[in-house]
């Protein structure tokens, strides 16, 4: 499974939904599992984003589908980025160019 970082901003409607039903966060995290993805960690943030979620997914296309689906609801926007484990990144840097 690949690791992805999803930064989420709630829309006005999303903020209202969450204020009225705080358990909605857990419900959405369960829905993420229905896409074949898994929430590894999640943090509420102060600043330009409301949540940082670490997700494991089988591939880029799966997490892209998840991001589009969540965004289509009108309650949030996302920025999703692949995350490379540090050890894998260092190993790749040590490989000769062209491999």
PDB file of N, CA and C in Angstrom:
ATOM      1  N   UNK A   1       0.847  -1.179   0.000  1.00  0.00           N
ATOM      2  CA  UNK A   1       0.000   0.000   0.000  1.00  0.00           C
ATOM      3  C   UNK A   1       0.893   1.243   0.000  1.00  0.00           C
ATOM      4  N   UNK A   2       0.471   2.238  -0.743  1.00  0.00           N
ATOM      5  CA  UNK A   2       1.168   3.515  -0.786  1.00  0.00           C
ATOM      6  C   UNK A   2       0.576   4.449   0.269  1.00  0.00           C
ATOM      7  N   UNK A   3       1.381   5.410   0.700  1.00  0.00           N
ATOM      8  CA  UNK A   3       0.951   6.367   1.718  1.00  0.00           C
ATOM      9  C   UNK A   3       0.670   7.715   1.064  1.00  0.00           C
ATOM     10  N   UNK A   4      -0.411   8.349   1.514  1.00  0.00           N
ATOM     11  CA  UNK A   4      -0.811   9.652   0.995  1.00  0.00           C
ATOM     12  C   UNK A   4      -1.148  10.572   2.158  1.00  0.00           C
ATOM     13  N   UNK A   5      -0.899  11.846   1.956  1.00  0.00           N
ATOM     14  CA  UNK A   5      -1.292  12.883   2.905  1.00  0.00           C
ATOM     15  C   UNK A   5      -2.456  13.638   2.275  1.00  0.00           C
ATOM     16  N   UNK A   6      -3.568  13.717   2.989  1.00  0.00           N
ATOM     17  CA  UNK A   6      -4.726  14.473   2.513  1.00  0.00           C
ATOM     18  C   UNK A   6      -4.936  15.658   3.455  1.00  0.00           C
ATOM     19  N   UNK A   7      -4.827  16.857   2.895  1.00  0.00           N
ATOM     20  CA  UNK A   7      -5.146  18.074   3.634  1.00  0.00           C
ATOM     21  C   UNK A   7      -6.561  18.477   3.268  1.00  0.00           C
ATOM     22  N   UNK A   8      -7.388  18.731   4.265  1.00  0.00           N
ATOM     23  CA  UNK A   8      -8.800  18.995   4.037  1.00  0.00           C
ATOM     24  C   UNK A   8      -9.208  20.346   4.596  1.00  0.00           C
ATOM     25  N   UNK A   9      -9.985  21.086   3.800  1.00  0.00           N
ATOM     26  CA  UNK A   9     -10.614  22.338   4.235  1.00  0.00           C
ATOM     27  C   UNK A   9     -12.117  22.123   4.227  1.00  0.00           C
ATOM     28  N   UNK A  10     -12.768  22.429   5.319  1.00  0.00           N
ATOM     29  CA  UNK A  10     -14.224  22.352   5.350  1.00  0.00           C
ATOM     30  C   UNK A  10     -14.821  23.560   4.657  1.00  0.00           C
ATOM     31  N   UNK A  11     -15.896  23.362   3.916  1.00  0.00           N
ATOM     32  CA  UNK A  11     -16.666  24.479   3.386  1.00  0.00           C
ATOM     33  C   UNK A  11     -17.577  24.976   4.506  1.00  0.00           C
ATOM     34  N   UNK A  12     -18.307  26.033   4.254  1.00  0.00           N
ATOM     35  CA  UNK A  12     -19.267  26.529   5.243  1.00  0.00           C
ATOM     36  C   UNK A  12     -20.273  25.435   5.601  1.00  0.00           C
ATOM     37  N   UNK A  13     -20.764  24.731   4.584  1.00  0.00           N
ATOM     38  CA  UNK A  13     -21.702  23.628   4.845  1.00  0.00           C
ATOM     39  C   UNK A  13     -21.046  22.506   5.637  1.00  0.00           C
ATOM     40  N   UNK A  14     -19.795  22.211   5.325  1.00  0.00           N
ATOM     41  CA  UNK A  14     -19.079  21.169   6.049  1.00  0.00           C
ATOM     42  C   UNK A  14     -18.876  21.528   7.506  1.00  0.00           C
ATOM     43  N   UNK A  15     -18.573  22.799   7.783  1.00  0.00           N
ATOM     44  CA  UNK A  15     -18.431  23.249   9.163  1.00  0.00           C
ATOM     45  C   UNK A  15     -19.733  23.134   9.929  1.00  0.00           C
ATOM     46  N   UNK A  16     -20.825  23.478   9.273  1.00  0.00           N
ATOM     47  CA  UNK A  16     -22.138  23.360   9.921  1.00  0.00           C
ATOM     48  C   UNK A  16     -22.466  21.895  10.205  1.00  0.00           C
ATOM     49  N   UNK A  17     -22.182  21.031   9.247  1.00  0.00           N
ATOM     50  CA  UNK A  17     -22.444  19.601   9.428  1.00  0.00           C
ATOM     51  C   UNK A  17     -21.636  19.049  10.592  1.00  0.00           C
ATOM     52  N   UNK A  18     -20.360  19.405  10.655  1.00  0.00           N
ATOM     53  CA  UNK A  18     -19.492  18.898  11.711  1.00  0.00           C
ATOM     54  C   UNK A  18     -19.891  19.437  13.083  1.00  0.00           C
ATOM     55  N   UNK A  19     -20.290  20.697  13.144  1.00  0.00           N
ATOM     56  CA  UNK A  19     -20.720  21.279  14.422  1.00  0.00           C
ATOM     57  C   UNK A  19     -21.982  20.586  14.936  1.00  0.00           C
ATOM     58  N   UNK A  20     -22.882  20.254  14.026  1.00  0.00           N
ATOM     59  CA  UNK A  20     -24.130  19.594  14.415  1.00  0.00           C
ATOM     60  C   UNK A  20     -23.931  18.109  14.700  1.00  0.00           C
ATOM     61  N   UNK A  21     -22.913  17.496  14.071  1.00  0.00           N
ATOM     62  CA  UNK A  21     -22.704  16.052  14.189  1.00  0.00           C
ATOM     63  C   UNK A  21     -21.204  15.750  14.198  1.00  0.00           C
ATOM     64  N   UNK A  22     -20.524  15.946  15.335  1.00  0.00           N
ATOM     65  CA  UNK A  22     -19.074  15.705  15.392  1.00  0.00           C
ATOM     66  C   UNK A  22     -18.663  14.285  15.006  1.00  0.00           C
ATOM     67  N   UNK A  23     -19.538  13.318  15.174  1.00  0.00           N
ATOM     68  CA  UNK A  23     -19.188  11.938  14.810  1.00  0.00           C
ATOM     69  C   UNK A  23     -19.104  11.757  13.292  1.00  0.00           C
ATOM     70  N   UNK A  24     -19.448  12.794  12.546  1.00  0.00           N
ATOM     71  CA  UNK A  24     -19.361  12.714  11.084  1.00  0.00           C
ATOM     72  C   UNK A  24     -17.935  12.408  10.634  1.00  0.00           C
ATOM     73  N   UNK A  25     -16.949  12.876  11.392  1.00  0.00           N
ATOM     74  CA  UNK A  25     -15.547  12.583  11.054  1.00  0.00           C
ATOM     75  C   UNK A  25     -15.324  11.070  11.025  1.00  0.00           C
ATOM     76  N   UNK A  26     -15.795  10.372  12.044  1.00  0.00           N
ATOM     77  CA  UNK A  26     -15.636   8.918  12.097  1.00  0.00           C
ATOM     78  C   UNK A  26     -16.414   8.234  10.979  1.00  0.00           C
ATOM     79  N   UNK A  27     -17.580   8.765  10.654  1.00  0.00           N
ATOM     80  CA  UNK A  27     -18.386   8.186   9.574  1.00  0.00           C
ATOM     81  C   UNK A  27     -17.665   8.302   8.234  1.00  0.00           C
ATOM     82  N   UNK A  28     -17.072   9.465   7.976  1.00  0.00           N
ATOM     83  CA  UNK A  28     -16.336   9.659   6.723  1.00  0.00           C
ATOM     84  C   UNK A  28     -15.110   8.751   6.693  1.00  0.00           C
ATOM     85  N   UNK A  29     -14.419   8.624   7.827  1.00  0.00           N
ATOM     86  CA  UNK A  29     -13.255   7.732   7.865  1.00  0.00           C
ATOM     87  C   UNK A  29     -13.659   6.291   7.558  1.00  0.00           C
ATOM     88  N   UNK A  30     -14.814   5.861   8.017  1.00  0.00           N
ATOM     89  CA  UNK A  30     -15.308   4.520   7.690  1.00  0.00           C
ATOM     90  C   UNK A  30     -15.601   4.411   6.195  1.00  0.00           C
ATOM     91  N   UNK A  31     -16.153   5.474   5.604  1.00  0.00           N
ATOM     92  CA  UNK A  31     -16.433   5.478   4.169  1.00  0.00           C
ATOM     93  C   UNK A  31     -15.143   5.379   3.361  1.00  0.00           C
ATOM     94  N   UNK A  32     -14.066   5.958   3.866  1.00  0.00           N
ATOM     95  CA  UNK A  32     -12.770   5.880   3.184  1.00  0.00           C
ATOM     96  C   UNK A  32     -12.371   4.414   3.014  1.00  0.00           C
ATOM     97  N   UNK A  33     -12.682   3.598   4.010  1.00  0.00           N
ATOM     98  CA  UNK A  33     -12.398   2.167   3.923  1.00  0.00           C
ATOM     99  C   UNK A  33     -13.140   1.484   2.802  1.00  0.00           C
ATOM    100  N   UNK A  34     -14.312   1.984   2.461  1.00  0.00           N
ATOM    101  CA  UNK A  34     -15.104   1.400   1.374  1.00  0.00           C
ATOM    102  C   UNK A  34     -14.431   1.582   0.014  1.00  0.00           C
ATOM    103  N   UNK A  35     -13.481   2.514  -0.070  1.00  0.00           N
ATOM    104  CA  UNK A  35     -12.734   2.738  -1.303  1.00  0.00           C
ATOM    105  C   UNK A  35     -11.477   1.873  -1.372  1.00  0.00           C
ATOM    106  N   UNK A  36     -11.276   1.024  -0.369  1.00  0.00           N
ATOM    107  CA  UNK A  36     -10.073   0.203  -0.322  1.00  0.00           C
ATOM    108  C   UNK A  36      -8.891   0.932   0.283  1.00  0.00           C
ATOM    109  N   UNK A  37      -9.173   2.030   0.974  1.00  0.00           N
ATOM    110  CA  UNK A  37      -8.137   2.837   1.613  1.00  0.00           C
ATOM    111  C   UNK A  37      -8.274   2.704   3.127  1.00  0.00           C
ATOM    112  N   UNK A  38      -7.230   3.118   3.838  1.00  0.00           N
ATOM    113  CA  UNK A  38      -7.259   3.042   5.292  1.00  0.00           C
ATOM    114  C   UNK A  38      -6.701   4.325   5.887  1.00  0.00           C
ATOM    115  N   UNK A  39      -7.409   4.876   6.875  1.00  0.00           N
ATOM    116  CA  UNK A  39      -6.898   6.033   7.608  1.00  0.00           C
ATOM    117  C   UNK A  39      -5.886   5.518   8.625  1.00  0.00           C
ATOM    118  N   UNK A  40      -4.648   5.984   8.521  1.00  0.00           N
ATOM    119  CA  UNK A  40      -3.572   5.570   9.412  1.00  0.00           C
ATOM    120  C   UNK A  40      -3.473   6.521  10.602  1.00  0.00           C
ATOM    121  N   UNK A  41      -3.665   7.803  10.343  1.00  0.00           N
ATOM    122  CA  UNK A  41      -3.615   8.824  11.393  1.00  0.00           C
ATOM    123  C   UNK A  41      -4.397  10.040  10.905  1.00  0.00           C
ATOM    124  N   UNK A  42      -4.897  10.828  11.861  1.00  0.00           N
ATOM    125  CA  UNK A  42      -5.653  12.019  11.487  1.00  0.00           C
ATOM    126  C   UNK A  42      -5.498  13.067  12.574  1.00  0.00           C
ATOM    127  N   UNK A  43      -5.351  14.308  12.147  1.00  0.00           N
ATOM    128  CA  UNK A  43      -5.168  15.429  13.064  1.00  0.00           C
ATOM    129  C   UNK A  43      -6.063  16.584  12.666  1.00  0.00           C
ATOM    130  N   UNK A  44      -6.685  17.220  13.637  1.00  0.00           N
ATOM    131  CA  UNK A  44      -7.371  18.493  13.403  1.00  0.00           C
ATOM    132  C   UNK A  44      -6.294  19.570  13.435  1.00  0.00           C
ATOM    133  N   UNK A  45      -6.408  20.540  12.549  1.00  0.00           N
ATOM    134  CA  UNK A  45      -5.387  21.575  12.412  1.00  0.00           C
ATOM    135  C   UNK A  45      -5.950  22.960  12.684  1.00  0.00           C
ATOM    136  N   UNK A  46      -5.085  23.834  13.084  1.00  0.00           N
ATOM    137  CA  UNK A  46      -5.388  25.265  13.149  1.00  0.00           C
ATOM    138  C   UNK A  46      -4.618  25.914  12.010  1.00  0.00           C
ATOM    139  N   UNK A  47      -5.269  26.722  11.211  1.00  0.00           N
ATOM    140  CA  UNK A  47      -4.594  27.351  10.074  1.00  0.00           C
ATOM    141  C   UNK A  47      -5.422  27.200   8.822  1.00  0.00           C
ATOM    142  N   UNK A  48      -4.765  27.201   7.653  1.00  0.00           N
ATOM    143  CA  UNK A  48      -5.519  27.178   6.394  1.00  0.00           C
ATOM    144  C   UNK A  48      -6.225  25.857   6.108  1.00  0.00           C
ATOM    145  N   UNK A  49      -5.816  24.778   6.747  1.00  0.00           N
ATOM    146  CA  UNK A  49      -6.483  23.487   6.580  1.00  0.00           C
ATOM    147  C   UNK A  49      -7.094  23.065   7.903  1.00  0.00           C
ATOM    148  N   UNK A  50      -8.162  22.274   7.829  1.00  0.00           N
ATOM    149  CA  UNK A  50      -8.868  21.826   9.030  1.00  0.00           C
ATOM    150  C   UNK A  50      -8.433  20.443   9.502  1.00  0.00           C
ATOM    151  N   UNK A  51      -8.008  19.583   8.571  1.00  0.00           N
ATOM    152  CA  UNK A  51      -7.578  18.234   8.928  1.00  0.00           C
ATOM    153  C   UNK A  51      -6.384  17.811   8.091  1.00  0.00           C
ATOM    154  N   UNK A  52      -5.508  17.023   8.696  1.00  0.00           N
ATOM    155  CA  UNK A  52      -4.447  16.312   8.003  1.00  0.00           C
ATOM    156  C   UNK A  52      -4.723  14.832   8.243  1.00  0.00           C
ATOM    157  N   UNK A  53      -4.869  14.086   7.158  1.00  0.00           N
ATOM    158  CA  UNK A  53      -5.174  12.667   7.259  1.00  0.00           C
ATOM    159  C   UNK A  53      -4.111  11.880   6.512  1.00  0.00           C
ATOM    160  N   UNK A  54      -3.535  10.894   7.179  1.00  0.00           N
ATOM    161  CA  UNK A  54      -2.579   9.985   6.558  1.00  0.00           C
ATOM    162  C   UNK A  54      -3.375   8.764   6.124  1.00  0.00           C
ATOM    163  N   UNK A  55      -3.321   8.475   4.829  1.00  0.00           N
ATOM    164  CA  UNK A  55      -4.120   7.407   4.233  1.00  0.00           C
ATOM    165  C   UNK A  55      -3.206   6.421   3.524  1.00  0.00           C
ATOM    166  N   UNK A  56      -3.499   5.145   3.657  1.00  0.00           N
ATOM    167  CA  UNK A  56      -2.860   4.131   2.832  1.00  0.00           C
ATOM    168  C   UNK A  56      -3.861   3.709   1.769  1.00  0.00           C
ATOM    169  N   UNK A  57      -3.371   3.629   0.532  1.00  0.00           N
ATOM    170  CA  UNK A  57      -4.221   3.250  -0.603  1.00  0.00           C
ATOM    171  C   UNK A  57      -3.410   2.376  -1.543  1.00  0.00           C
ATOM    172  N   UNK A  58      -4.087   1.536  -2.321  1.00  0.00           N
ATOM    173  CA  UNK A  58      -3.355   0.646  -3.221  1.00  0.00           C
ATOM    174  C   UNK A  58      -2.581   1.368  -4.319  1.00  0.00           C
ATOM    175  N   UNK A  59      -3.078   2.534  -4.763  1.00  0.00           N
ATOM    176  CA  UNK A  59      -2.422   3.224  -5.878  1.00  0.00           C
ATOM    177  C   UNK A  59      -2.961   4.647  -6.003  1.00  0.00           C
ATOM    178  N   UNK A  60      -2.322   5.418  -6.889  1.00  0.00           N
ATOM    179  CA  UNK A  60      -2.715   6.812  -7.114  1.00  0.00           C
ATOM    180  C   UNK A  60      -4.156   6.935  -7.596  1.00  0.00           C
ATOM    181  N   UNK A  61      -4.559   6.063  -8.509  1.00  0.00           N
ATOM    182  CA  UNK A  61      -5.906   6.155  -9.077  1.00  0.00           C
ATOM    183  C   UNK A  61      -6.976   5.962  -8.005  1.00  0.00           C
ATOM    184  N   UNK A  62      -6.738   5.068  -7.063  1.00  0.00           N
ATOM    185  CA  UNK A  62      -7.718   4.818  -6.006  1.00  0.00           C
ATOM    186  C   UNK A  62      -7.868   6.028  -5.105  1.00  0.00           C
ATOM    187  N   UNK A  63      -6.761   6.616  -4.704  1.00  0.00           N
ATOM    188  CA  UNK A  63      -6.854   7.777  -3.814  1.00  0.00           C
ATOM    189  C   UNK A  63      -7.374   8.993  -4.577  1.00  0.00           C
ATOM    190  N   UNK A  64      -7.124   9.072  -5.870  1.00  0.00           N
ATOM    191  CA  UNK A  64      -7.696  10.156  -6.677  1.00  0.00           C
ATOM    192  C   UNK A  64      -9.218  10.020  -6.734  1.00  0.00           C
ATOM    193  N   UNK A  65      -9.685   8.808  -6.927  1.00  0.00           N
ATOM    194  CA  UNK A  65     -11.137   8.553  -6.926  1.00  0.00           C
ATOM    195  C   UNK A  65     -11.753   8.940  -5.588  1.00  0.00           C
ATOM    196  N   UNK A  66     -11.082   8.579  -4.499  1.00  0.00           N
ATOM    197  CA  UNK A  66     -11.545   8.951  -3.166  1.00  0.00           C
ATOM    198  C   UNK A  66     -11.621  10.468  -3.029  1.00  0.00           C
ATOM    199  N   UNK A  67     -10.581  11.167  -3.433  1.00  0.00           N
ATOM    200  CA  UNK A  67     -10.541  12.630  -3.317  1.00  0.00           C
ATOM    201  C   UNK A  67     -11.669  13.289  -4.107  1.00  0.00           C
ATOM    202  N   UNK A  68     -11.900  12.810  -5.320  1.00  0.00           N
ATOM    203  CA  UNK A  68     -12.984  13.363  -6.142  1.00  0.00           C
ATOM    204  C   UNK A  68     -14.329  13.114  -5.478  1.00  0.00           C
ATOM    205  N   UNK A  69     -14.530  11.908  -4.968  1.00  0.00           N
ATOM    206  CA  UNK A  69     -15.802  11.583  -4.327  1.00  0.00           C
ATOM    207  C   UNK A  69     -16.043  12.467  -3.112  1.00  0.00           C
ATOM    208  N   UNK A  70     -15.048  12.604  -2.253  1.00  0.00           N
ATOM    209  CA  UNK A  70     -15.224  13.440  -1.065  1.00  0.00           C
ATOM    210  C   UNK A  70     -15.489  14.890  -1.452  1.00  0.00           C
ATOM    211  N   UNK A  71     -14.756  15.403  -2.426  1.00  0.00           N
ATOM    212  CA  UNK A  71     -14.933  16.789  -2.861  1.00  0.00           C
ATOM    213  C   UNK A  71     -16.266  17.047  -3.530  1.00  0.00           C
ATOM    214  N   UNK A  72     -16.835  16.017  -4.162  1.00  0.00           N
ATOM    215  CA  UNK A  72     -18.102  16.202  -4.884  1.00  0.00           C
ATOM    216  C   UNK A  72     -19.280  16.434  -3.950  1.00  0.00           C
ATOM    217  N   UNK A  73     -19.095  16.198  -2.669  1.00  0.00           N
ATOM    218  CA  UNK A  73     -20.180  16.357  -1.706  1.00  0.00           C
ATOM    219  C   UNK A  73     -20.448  17.809  -1.340  1.00  0.00           C
ATOM    220  N   UNK A  74     -19.492  18.675  -1.631  1.00  0.00           N
ATOM    221  CA  UNK A  74     -19.680  20.099  -1.352  1.00  0.00           C
ATOM    222  C   UNK A  74     -19.416  20.511   0.085  1.00  0.00           C
ATOM    223  N   UNK A  75     -18.909  19.593   0.903  1.00  0.00           N
ATOM    224  CA  UNK A  75     -18.662  19.920   2.310  1.00  0.00           C
ATOM    225  C   UNK A  75     -17.185  20.115   2.625  1.00  0.00           C
ATOM    226  N   UNK A  76     -16.325  19.801   1.650  1.00  0.00           N
ATOM    227  CA  UNK A  76     -14.893  19.967   1.878  1.00  0.00           C
ATOM    228  C   UNK A  76     -14.153  20.040   0.555  1.00  0.00           C
ATOM    229  N   UNK A  77     -12.934  20.535   0.629  1.00  0.00           N
ATOM    230  CA  UNK A  77     -12.006  20.461  -0.493  1.00  0.00           C
ATOM    231  C   UNK A  77     -10.759  19.756   0.020  1.00  0.00           C
ATOM    232  N   UNK A  78     -10.054  19.101  -0.879  1.00  0.00           N
ATOM    233  CA  UNK A  78      -8.873  18.354  -0.471  1.00  0.00           C
ATOM    234  C   UNK A  78      -7.665  18.699  -1.323  1.00  0.00           C
ATOM    235  N   UNK A  79      -6.501  18.517  -0.742  1.00  0.00           N
ATOM    236  CA  UNK A  79      -5.242  18.468  -1.477  1.00  0.00           C
ATOM    237  C   UNK A  79      -4.585  17.166  -1.032  1.00  0.00           C
ATOM    238  N   UNK A  80      -4.364  16.260  -1.976  1.00  0.00           N
ATOM    239  CA  UNK A  80      -3.836  14.945  -1.654  1.00  0.00           C
ATOM    240  C   UNK A  80      -2.484  14.770  -2.324  1.00  0.00           C
ATOM    241  N   UNK A  81      -1.515  14.301  -1.535  1.00  0.00           N
ATOM    242  CA  UNK A  81      -0.143  14.161  -2.027  1.00  0.00           C
ATOM    243  C   UNK A  81       0.403  12.790  -1.663  1.00  0.00           C
ATOM    244  N   UNK A  82       1.162  12.164  -2.583  1.00  0.00           N
ATOM    245  CA  UNK A  82       1.831  10.923  -2.209  1.00  0.00           C
ATOM    246  C   UNK A  82       2.956  11.232  -1.224  1.00  0.00           C
ATOM    247  N   UNK A  83       3.176  10.314  -0.297  1.00  0.00           N
ATOM    248  CA  UNK A  83       4.245  10.463   0.690  1.00  0.00           C
ATOM    249  C   UNK A  83       5.185   9.267   0.552  1.00  0.00           C
ATOM    250  N   UNK A  84       6.463   9.556   0.399  1.00  0.00           N
ATOM    251  CA  UNK A  84       7.461   8.505   0.219  1.00  0.00           C
ATOM    252  C   UNK A  84       8.153   8.282   1.563  1.00  0.00           C
ATOM    253  N   UNK A  85       8.167   7.050   2.058  1.00  0.00           N
ATOM    254  CA  UNK A  85       8.895   6.800   3.303  1.00  0.00           C
ATOM    255  C   UNK A  85      10.349   7.260   3.179  1.00  0.00           C
ATOM    256  N   UNK A  86      10.851   7.866   4.222  1.00  0.00           N
ATOM    257  CA  UNK A  86      12.200   8.446   4.212  1.00  0.00           C
ATOM    258  C   UNK A  86      13.246   7.437   3.759  1.00  0.00           C
ATOM    259  N   UNK A  87      13.203   6.233   4.292  1.00  0.00           N
ATOM    260  CA  UNK A  87      14.201   5.225   3.938  1.00  0.00           C
ATOM    261  C   UNK A  87      14.144   4.878   2.446  1.00  0.00           C
ATOM    262  N   UNK A  88      12.943   4.787   1.885  1.00  0.00           N
ATOM    263  CA  UNK A  88      12.805   4.512   0.449  1.00  0.00           C
ATOM    264  C   UNK A  88      13.378   5.651  -0.385  1.00  0.00           C
ATOM    265  N   UNK A  89      13.131   6.879   0.059  1.00  0.00           N
ATOM    266  CA  UNK A  89      13.632   8.057  -0.654  1.00  0.00           C
ATOM    267  C   UNK A  89      15.157   8.084  -0.642  1.00  0.00           C
ATOM    268  N   UNK A  90      15.756   7.843   0.523  1.00  0.00           N
ATOM    269  CA  UNK A  90      17.222   7.843   0.638  1.00  0.00           C
ATOM    270  C   UNK A  90      17.816   6.734  -0.233  1.00  0.00           C
ATOM    271  N   UNK A  91      17.201   5.554  -0.216  1.00  0.00           N
ATOM    272  CA  UNK A  91      17.689   4.449  -1.045  1.00  0.00           C
ATOM    273  C   UNK A  91      17.630   4.819  -2.522  1.00  0.00           C
ATOM    274  N   UNK A  92      16.565   5.473  -2.940  1.00  0.00           N
ATOM    275  CA  UNK A  92      16.425   5.870  -4.344  1.00  0.00           C
ATOM    276  C   UNK A  92      17.506   6.898  -4.718  1.00  0.00           C
ATOM    277  N   UNK A  93      17.817   7.820  -3.811  1.00  0.00           N
ATOM    278  CA  UNK A  93      18.846   8.814  -4.076  1.00  0.00           C
ATOM    279  C   UNK A  93      20.235   8.168  -4.243  1.00  0.00           C
ATOM    280  N   UNK A  94      20.440   7.032  -3.592  1.00  0.00           N
ATOM    281  CA  UNK A  94      21.745   6.358  -3.656  1.00  0.00           C
ATOM    282  C   UNK A  94      21.910   5.522  -4.918  1.00  0.00           C
ATOM    283  N   UNK A  95      20.827   5.290  -5.652  1.00  0.00           N
ATOM    284  CA  UNK A  95      20.919   4.508  -6.885  1.00  0.00           C
ATOM    285  C   UNK A  95      21.648   5.300  -7.964  1.00  0.00           C
ATOM    286  N   UNK A  96      22.398   4.601  -8.806  1.00  0.00           N
ATOM    287  CA  UNK A  96      23.029   5.298  -9.931  1.00  0.00           C
ATOM    288  C   UNK A  96      21.958   5.888 -10.852  1.00  0.00           C
ATOM    289  N   UNK A  97      22.266   6.984 -11.475  1.00  0.00           N
ATOM    290  CA  UNK A  97      21.345   7.634 -12.418  1.00  0.00           C
ATOM    291  C   UNK A  97      21.097   6.669 -13.578  1.00  0.00           C
ATOM    292  N   UNK A  98      19.848   6.605 -14.019  1.00  0.00           N
ATOM    293  CA  UNK A  98      19.507   5.738 -15.142  1.00  0.00           C
ATOM    294  C   UNK A  98      18.920   4.415 -14.724  1.00  0.00           C
ATOM    295  N   UNK A  99      18.809   4.192 -13.416  1.00  0.00           N
ATOM    296  CA  UNK A  99      18.222   2.928 -12.958  1.00  0.00           C
ATOM    297  C   UNK A  99      16.859   3.168 -12.396  1.00  0.00           C
TER     298      UNK A  99
END
